[in-house]
Amino acid sequence: MKKTIFLLIFIISGPSLSHHNYAANYDSSMIITLEGVVTKFDWKNPHIEIFIDVEEDGETISWIIPTAAPRIASRYGMTSETISEGERIVITGWPSKDGSLKMRAIALIQANGTGWPLRPPRSGSREGGMGMGMRSN
């Protein structure tokens, strides 16, 4: 009976574990930077998603960019109104391993120069990851 319960819990938790396994979906050995216009800023759990249009060789390419959870972004002072549709941003992160137009964001800079870390701080560190400290104006 204990084995059955354990197996059931393991099967049910599988999708949740794979969802947070960024190494399986994103290439953390490669960092890319995109500059584009926000078409949607979706402040939701489990992760905020930013949708941006990037101009490349005269063509508009739409990217989907999952970021930190709202509770993580809130720690740095970000709110659901921090980023606006139509705003130009620069965003850095790990590209999708499958070649899709997705990137796991790790940092964002607004046109006014405000920088935001978009992942939890490293264990034992005060920084927001990848050399970005707390928000700066």
N, C-alpha and C. Protein backbone atom coordinates (compact mmCIF):
# COMPACT_ATOMS: atom_id res chain seq x y z
N MET A 1 0.81 -1.19 0.00
CA MET A 1 0.00 0.00 0.00
C MET A 1 0.86 1.27 0.00
N LYS A 2 1.94 1.27 0.80
CA LYS A 2 2.83 2.43 0.85
C LYS A 2 3.47 2.67 -0.51
N LYS A 3 3.84 1.60 -1.20
CA LYS A 3 4.44 1.73 -2.53
C LYS A 3 3.44 2.34 -3.51
N THR A 4 2.20 1.94 -3.41
CA THR A 4 1.16 2.47 -4.30
C THR A 4 0.97 3.97 -4.06
N ILE A 5 0.91 4.37 -2.80
CA ILE A 5 0.75 5.79 -2.48
C ILE A 5 1.96 6.59 -2.97
N PHE A 6 3.16 6.09 -2.73
CA PHE A 6 4.37 6.77 -3.19
C PHE A 6 4.35 6.91 -4.71
N LEU A 7 4.02 5.83 -5.42
CA LEU A 7 3.98 5.85 -6.87
C LEU A 7 2.95 6.85 -7.37
N LEU A 8 1.80 6.89 -6.76
CA LEU A 8 0.76 7.83 -7.14
C LEU A 8 1.22 9.27 -6.95
N ILE A 9 1.83 9.57 -5.83
CA ILE A 9 2.35 10.92 -5.57
C ILE A 9 3.44 11.28 -6.58
N PHE A 10 4.30 10.34 -6.87
CA PHE A 10 5.38 10.57 -7.84
C PHE A 10 4.81 10.89 -9.22
N ILE A 11 3.82 10.13 -9.66
CA ILE A 11 3.22 10.34 -10.98
C ILE A 11 2.52 11.70 -11.04
N ILE A 12 1.80 12.04 -10.00
CA ILE A 12 1.07 13.31 -9.97
C ILE A 12 2.04 14.49 -9.94
N SER A 13 3.14 14.36 -9.23
CA SER A 13 4.08 15.48 -9.11
C SER A 13 5.00 15.61 -10.32
N GLY A 14 5.05 14.65 -11.18
CA GLY A 14 5.94 14.67 -12.35
C GLY A 14 5.82 15.92 -13.19
N PRO A 15 4.61 16.30 -13.63
CA PRO A 15 4.48 17.52 -14.43
C PRO A 15 4.96 18.76 -13.69
N SER A 16 4.71 18.83 -12.39
CA SER A 16 5.16 19.97 -11.61
C SER A 16 6.68 20.05 -11.57
N LEU A 17 7.33 18.92 -11.39
CA LEU A 17 8.79 18.91 -11.34
C LEU A 17 9.38 19.28 -12.69
N SER A 18 8.83 18.77 -13.77
CA SER A 18 9.37 19.07 -15.09
C SER A 18 9.15 20.54 -15.44
N HIS A 19 8.05 21.13 -14.94
CA HIS A 19 7.77 22.53 -15.20
C HIS A 19 8.89 23.41 -14.64
N HIS A 20 9.42 23.06 -13.49
CA HIS A 20 10.45 23.86 -12.86
C HIS A 20 11.86 23.40 -13.18
N ASN A 21 12.01 22.42 -14.04
CA ASN A 21 13.33 21.96 -14.43
C ASN A 21 13.80 22.77 -15.64
N TYR A 22 14.30 23.96 -15.37
CA TYR A 22 14.72 24.85 -16.44
C TYR A 22 15.83 24.24 -17.28
N ALA A 23 16.68 23.42 -16.69
CA ALA A 23 17.78 22.80 -17.42
C ALA A 23 17.25 21.89 -18.53
N ALA A 24 16.07 21.33 -18.35
CA ALA A 24 15.50 20.46 -19.38
C ALA A 24 14.95 21.26 -20.56
N ASN A 25 14.54 22.49 -20.32
CA ASN A 25 13.88 23.28 -21.36
C ASN A 25 14.71 24.44 -21.92
N TYR A 26 15.64 24.94 -21.13
CA TYR A 26 16.40 26.13 -21.54
C TYR A 26 17.89 25.87 -21.43
N ASP A 27 18.65 26.48 -22.32
CA ASP A 27 20.10 26.28 -22.38
C ASP A 27 20.80 27.34 -21.53
N SER A 28 21.09 26.98 -20.27
CA SER A 28 21.71 27.93 -19.35
C SER A 28 23.18 28.20 -19.65
N SER A 29 23.74 27.48 -20.62
CA SER A 29 25.13 27.75 -21.02
C SER A 29 25.20 28.88 -22.03
N MET A 30 24.04 29.32 -22.51
CA MET A 30 23.99 30.38 -23.51
C MET A 30 23.06 31.49 -23.01
N ILE A 31 23.53 32.71 -23.06
CA ILE A 31 22.70 33.85 -22.66
C ILE A 31 22.48 34.71 -23.90
N ILE A 32 21.20 35.03 -24.14
CA ILE A 32 20.88 35.90 -25.27
C ILE A 32 20.19 37.15 -24.74
N THR A 33 20.24 38.21 -25.52
CA THR A 33 19.60 39.46 -25.16
C THR A 33 18.68 39.86 -26.30
N LEU A 34 17.46 40.22 -25.96
CA LEU A 34 16.47 40.67 -26.93
C LEU A 34 16.05 42.09 -26.59
N GLU A 35 15.81 42.89 -27.61
CA GLU A 35 15.23 44.21 -27.41
C GLU A 35 13.96 44.25 -28.22
N GLY A 36 12.86 44.63 -27.58
CA GLY A 36 11.61 44.65 -28.30
C GLY A 36 10.53 45.41 -27.58
N VAL A 37 9.33 45.34 -28.15
CA VAL A 37 8.17 46.04 -27.62
C VAL A 37 7.25 45.03 -26.94
N VAL A 38 6.84 45.34 -25.72
CA VAL A 38 5.97 44.46 -24.95
C VAL A 38 4.58 44.47 -25.58
N THR A 39 4.07 43.27 -25.90
CA THR A 39 2.71 43.15 -26.41
C THR A 39 1.76 42.66 -25.32
N LYS A 40 2.32 42.03 -24.28
CA LYS A 40 1.51 41.57 -23.15
C LYS A 40 2.43 41.34 -21.96
N PHE A 41 1.98 41.77 -20.78
CA PHE A 41 2.68 41.53 -19.53
C PHE A 41 1.69 40.80 -18.63
N ASP A 42 1.87 39.49 -18.52
CA ASP A 42 0.90 38.63 -17.85
C ASP A 42 1.40 38.27 -16.45
N TRP A 43 0.96 39.04 -15.46
CA TRP A 43 1.36 38.87 -14.05
C TRP A 43 0.49 37.76 -13.47
N LYS A 44 1.00 36.54 -13.45
CA LYS A 44 0.21 35.40 -12.99
C LYS A 44 1.13 34.34 -12.39
N ASN A 45 0.52 33.45 -11.63
CA ASN A 45 1.25 32.30 -11.11
C ASN A 45 1.12 31.15 -12.10
N PRO A 46 2.09 30.28 -12.24
CA PRO A 46 3.26 30.19 -11.38
C PRO A 46 4.40 31.12 -11.81
N HIS A 47 4.31 31.71 -13.03
CA HIS A 47 5.37 32.59 -13.51
C HIS A 47 4.77 33.74 -14.31
N ILE A 48 5.36 34.90 -14.15
CA ILE A 48 5.00 36.03 -14.99
C ILE A 48 5.45 35.68 -16.41
N GLU A 49 4.65 36.07 -17.40
CA GLU A 49 5.07 35.89 -18.79
C GLU A 49 5.07 37.24 -19.48
N ILE A 50 6.12 37.47 -20.24
CA ILE A 50 6.23 38.69 -21.01
C ILE A 50 6.24 38.27 -22.48
N PHE A 51 5.41 38.93 -23.26
CA PHE A 51 5.36 38.68 -24.70
C PHE A 51 5.92 39.92 -25.38
N ILE A 52 6.92 39.74 -26.23
CA ILE A 52 7.51 40.89 -26.91
C ILE A 52 7.64 40.63 -28.40
N ASP A 53 7.58 41.71 -29.17
CA ASP A 53 7.84 41.67 -30.60
C ASP A 53 9.22 42.26 -30.82
N VAL A 54 10.06 41.50 -31.50
CA VAL A 54 11.44 41.89 -31.79
C VAL A 54 11.57 42.08 -33.30
N GLU A 55 12.16 43.21 -33.70
CA GLU A 55 12.41 43.45 -35.13
C GLU A 55 13.75 42.82 -35.50
N GLU A 56 13.72 41.97 -36.50
CA GLU A 56 14.94 41.31 -36.96
C GLU A 56 14.93 41.25 -38.48
N ASP A 57 15.87 41.92 -39.12
CA ASP A 57 15.97 41.95 -40.58
C ASP A 57 14.66 42.41 -41.21
N GLY A 58 14.03 43.44 -40.64
CA GLY A 58 12.80 43.99 -41.18
C GLY A 58 11.56 43.16 -40.91
N GLU A 59 11.70 42.10 -40.15
CA GLU A 59 10.59 41.21 -39.83
C GLU A 59 10.30 41.28 -38.33
N THR A 60 9.03 41.19 -37.96
CA THR A 60 8.64 41.19 -36.55
C THR A 60 8.53 39.75 -36.08
N ILE A 61 9.27 39.43 -35.02
CA ILE A 61 9.27 38.09 -34.45
C ILE A 61 8.74 38.18 -33.03
N SER A 62 7.74 37.35 -32.72
CA SER A 62 7.10 37.37 -31.41
C SER A 62 7.72 36.31 -30.51
N TRP A 63 8.13 36.73 -29.31
CA TRP A 63 8.75 35.85 -28.32
C TRP A 63 7.85 35.72 -27.10
N ILE A 64 7.90 34.57 -26.47
CA ILE A 64 7.23 34.32 -25.19
C ILE A 64 8.34 34.14 -24.16
N ILE A 65 8.25 34.91 -23.07
CA ILE A 65 9.34 34.91 -22.11
C ILE A 65 8.81 34.69 -20.69
N PRO A 66 8.89 33.44 -20.19
CA PRO A 66 8.53 33.21 -18.79
C PRO A 66 9.61 33.79 -17.88
N THR A 67 9.18 34.31 -16.75
CA THR A 67 10.11 34.94 -15.81
C THR A 67 9.90 34.37 -14.42
N ALA A 68 10.22 35.15 -13.44
CA ALA A 68 10.05 34.74 -12.04
C ALA A 68 8.58 34.68 -11.66
N ALA A 69 8.32 34.06 -10.54
CA ALA A 69 6.98 34.07 -9.96
C ALA A 69 6.69 35.48 -9.45
N PRO A 70 5.42 35.88 -9.41
CA PRO A 70 5.09 37.21 -8.89
C PRO A 70 5.67 37.49 -7.50
N ARG A 71 5.70 36.49 -6.62
CA ARG A 71 6.23 36.73 -5.27
C ARG A 71 7.72 37.05 -5.30
N ILE A 72 8.47 36.47 -6.25
CA ILE A 72 9.90 36.78 -6.38
C ILE A 72 10.06 38.19 -6.93
N ALA A 73 9.34 38.52 -8.00
CA ALA A 73 9.43 39.86 -8.59
C ALA A 73 9.00 40.93 -7.59
N SER A 74 7.99 40.62 -6.78
CA SER A 74 7.53 41.58 -5.77
C SER A 74 8.61 41.90 -4.74
N ARG A 75 9.45 40.94 -4.44
CA ARG A 75 10.55 41.18 -3.49
C ARG A 75 11.48 42.29 -3.96
N TYR A 76 11.58 42.44 -5.28
CA TYR A 76 12.45 43.46 -5.85
C TYR A 76 11.70 44.77 -6.10
N GLY A 77 10.39 44.81 -5.76
CA GLY A 77 9.60 46.02 -5.93
C GLY A 77 8.78 46.07 -7.20
N MET A 78 8.81 45.03 -8.00
CA MET A 78 8.03 44.99 -9.23
C MET A 78 6.57 44.72 -8.89
N THR A 79 5.65 45.30 -9.67
CA THR A 79 4.22 45.06 -9.52
C THR A 79 3.63 44.70 -10.88
N SER A 80 2.35 44.40 -10.87
CA SER A 80 1.68 44.06 -12.13
C SER A 80 1.59 45.25 -13.07
N GLU A 81 1.90 46.44 -12.57
CA GLU A 81 1.84 47.65 -13.40
C GLU A 81 3.23 48.19 -13.76
N THR A 82 4.27 47.48 -13.41
CA THR A 82 5.64 47.94 -13.67
C THR A 82 5.94 48.02 -15.16
N ILE A 83 5.51 47.03 -15.89
CA ILE A 83 5.76 46.95 -17.34
C ILE A 83 4.45 47.19 -18.06
N SER A 84 4.48 48.03 -19.10
CA SER A 84 3.27 48.36 -19.85
C SER A 84 3.34 47.84 -21.27
N GLU A 85 2.20 47.47 -21.80
CA GLU A 85 2.14 47.10 -23.22
C GLU A 85 2.57 48.30 -24.03
N GLY A 86 3.34 48.06 -25.07
CA GLY A 86 3.86 49.13 -25.91
C GLY A 86 5.21 49.65 -25.47
N GLU A 87 5.65 49.27 -24.28
CA GLU A 87 6.94 49.71 -23.74
C GLU A 87 8.08 48.94 -24.40
N ARG A 88 9.17 49.63 -24.67
CA ARG A 88 10.37 48.98 -25.22
C ARG A 88 11.24 48.52 -24.06
N ILE A 89 11.68 47.26 -24.11
CA ILE A 89 12.53 46.69 -23.06
C ILE A 89 13.70 45.94 -23.67
N VAL A 90 14.70 45.72 -22.83
CA VAL A 90 15.82 44.83 -23.16
C VAL A 90 15.75 43.72 -22.14
N ILE A 91 15.75 42.48 -22.60
CA ILE A 91 15.60 41.35 -21.70
C ILE A 91 16.65 40.29 -22.02
N THR A 92 17.25 39.75 -20.98
CA THR A 92 18.33 38.77 -21.11
C THR A 92 17.88 37.45 -20.50
N GLY A 93 18.30 36.35 -21.13
CA GLY A 93 17.93 35.05 -20.58
C GLY A 93 18.50 33.88 -21.35
N TRP A 94 17.96 32.72 -21.03
CA TRP A 94 18.41 31.47 -21.63
C TRP A 94 17.45 31.05 -22.73
N PRO A 95 17.96 30.78 -23.92
CA PRO A 95 17.08 30.37 -25.03
C PRO A 95 16.54 28.95 -24.82
N SER A 96 15.42 28.71 -25.47
CA SER A 96 14.80 27.39 -25.42
C SER A 96 15.69 26.38 -26.14
N LYS A 97 15.79 25.19 -25.58
CA LYS A 97 16.60 24.13 -26.20
C LYS A 97 15.96 23.60 -27.47
N ASP A 98 14.63 23.69 -27.58
CA ASP A 98 13.95 23.11 -28.75
C ASP A 98 13.87 24.06 -29.94
N GLY A 99 14.48 25.25 -29.82
CA GLY A 99 14.51 26.19 -30.94
C GLY A 99 13.26 27.05 -31.05
N SER A 100 12.31 26.88 -30.16
CA SER A 100 11.11 27.71 -30.20
C SER A 100 11.45 29.13 -29.76
N LEU A 101 10.57 30.04 -30.03
CA LEU A 101 10.81 31.44 -29.69
C LEU A 101 10.40 31.71 -28.25
N LYS A 102 11.07 31.00 -27.34
CA LYS A 102 10.89 31.16 -25.91
C LYS A 102 12.25 31.36 -25.27
N MET A 103 12.25 32.14 -24.21
CA MET A 103 13.48 32.40 -23.49
C MET A 103 13.13 32.50 -22.01
N ARG A 104 13.89 31.86 -21.14
CA ARG A 104 13.70 31.99 -19.69
C ARG A 104 14.45 33.23 -19.24
N ALA A 105 13.69 34.26 -18.91
CA ALA A 105 14.29 35.55 -18.57
C ALA A 105 15.03 35.50 -17.24
N ILE A 106 16.14 36.20 -17.20
CA ILE A 106 16.89 36.33 -15.94
C ILE A 106 17.07 37.79 -15.54
N ALA A 107 16.91 38.73 -16.49
CA ALA A 107 17.04 40.15 -16.18
C ALA A 107 16.34 40.98 -17.24
N LEU A 108 15.84 42.15 -16.82
CA LEU A 108 15.11 43.03 -17.72
C LEU A 108 15.54 44.47 -17.44
N ILE A 109 15.65 45.26 -18.50
CA ILE A 109 15.94 46.69 -18.35
C ILE A 109 14.88 47.46 -19.12
N GLN A 110 14.24 48.39 -18.43
CA GLN A 110 13.24 49.24 -19.05
C GLN A 110 13.92 50.39 -19.79
N ALA A 111 13.17 51.05 -20.68
CA ALA A 111 13.70 52.17 -21.46
C ALA A 111 14.22 53.29 -20.56
N ASN A 112 13.66 53.46 -19.36
CA ASN A 112 14.11 54.51 -18.45
C ASN A 112 15.38 54.12 -17.68
N GLY A 113 15.90 52.91 -17.96
CA GLY A 113 17.13 52.46 -17.33
C GLY A 113 16.94 51.62 -16.08
N THR A 114 15.71 51.44 -15.63
CA THR A 114 15.46 50.63 -14.44
C THR A 114 15.70 49.16 -14.76
N GLY A 115 16.55 48.51 -13.94
CA GLY A 115 16.86 47.10 -14.15
C GLY A 115 16.17 46.23 -13.12
N TRP A 116 15.72 45.05 -13.54
CA TRP A 116 15.01 44.12 -12.67
C TRP A 116 15.58 42.72 -12.81
N PRO A 117 15.99 42.10 -11.72
CA PRO A 117 16.34 40.68 -11.77
C PRO A 117 15.04 39.88 -11.88
N LEU A 118 15.05 38.80 -12.63
CA LEU A 118 13.82 38.04 -12.85
C LEU A 118 13.95 36.57 -12.47
N ARG A 119 14.73 36.32 -11.45
CA ARG A 119 14.83 34.98 -10.89
C ARG A 119 15.24 35.12 -9.43
N PRO A 120 15.01 34.08 -8.64
CA PRO A 120 15.37 34.18 -7.23
C PRO A 120 16.87 34.40 -7.05
N PRO A 121 17.27 35.06 -5.97
CA PRO A 121 18.70 35.21 -5.70
C PRO A 121 19.35 33.85 -5.53
N ARG A 122 20.61 33.79 -5.86
CA ARG A 122 21.36 32.56 -5.64
C ARG A 122 21.47 32.32 -4.14
N SER A 123 21.57 31.09 -3.77
CA SER A 123 21.65 30.73 -2.36
C SER A 123 22.83 31.45 -1.71
N GLY A 124 22.56 32.14 -0.62
CA GLY A 124 23.61 32.84 0.11
C GLY A 124 24.05 34.13 -0.53
N SER A 125 23.30 34.61 -1.54
CA SER A 125 23.69 35.81 -2.25
C SER A 125 22.61 36.87 -2.12
N ARG A 126 23.01 38.12 -2.22
CA ARG A 126 22.04 39.21 -2.21
C ARG A 126 21.67 39.64 -3.61
N GLU A 127 22.37 39.15 -4.60
CA GLU A 127 22.10 39.60 -5.95
C GLU A 127 20.96 38.83 -6.58
N GLY A 128 20.40 39.39 -7.62
CA GLY A 128 19.26 38.80 -8.29
C GLY A 128 19.66 37.87 -9.41
N GLY A 129 20.89 37.59 -9.56
CA GLY A 129 21.32 36.65 -10.58
C GLY A 129 22.02 37.32 -11.74
N MET A 130 22.97 36.66 -12.30
CA MET A 130 23.71 37.09 -13.50
C MET A 130 24.26 38.51 -13.38
N GLY A 131 24.75 38.82 -12.20
CA GLY A 131 25.43 40.10 -12.03
C GLY A 131 24.51 41.29 -11.80
N MET A 132 23.20 41.10 -11.87
CA MET A 132 22.29 42.22 -11.61
C MET A 132 21.95 42.26 -10.14
N GLY A 133 22.16 43.38 -9.53
CA GLY A 133 21.78 43.52 -8.14
C GLY A 133 20.34 43.93 -8.03
N MET A 134 20.00 44.54 -6.96
CA MET A 134 18.63 45.01 -6.76
C MET A 134 18.31 46.09 -7.77
N ARG A 135 17.07 46.43 -7.84
CA ARG A 135 16.58 47.42 -8.79
C ARG A 135 17.40 48.71 -8.70
N SER A 136 17.66 49.31 -9.84
CA SER A 136 18.39 50.58 -9.84
C SER A 136 17.70 51.56 -10.79
N ASN A 137 17.63 52.80 -10.41
CA ASN A 137 17.02 53.83 -11.26
C ASN A 137 18.08 54.70 -11.86
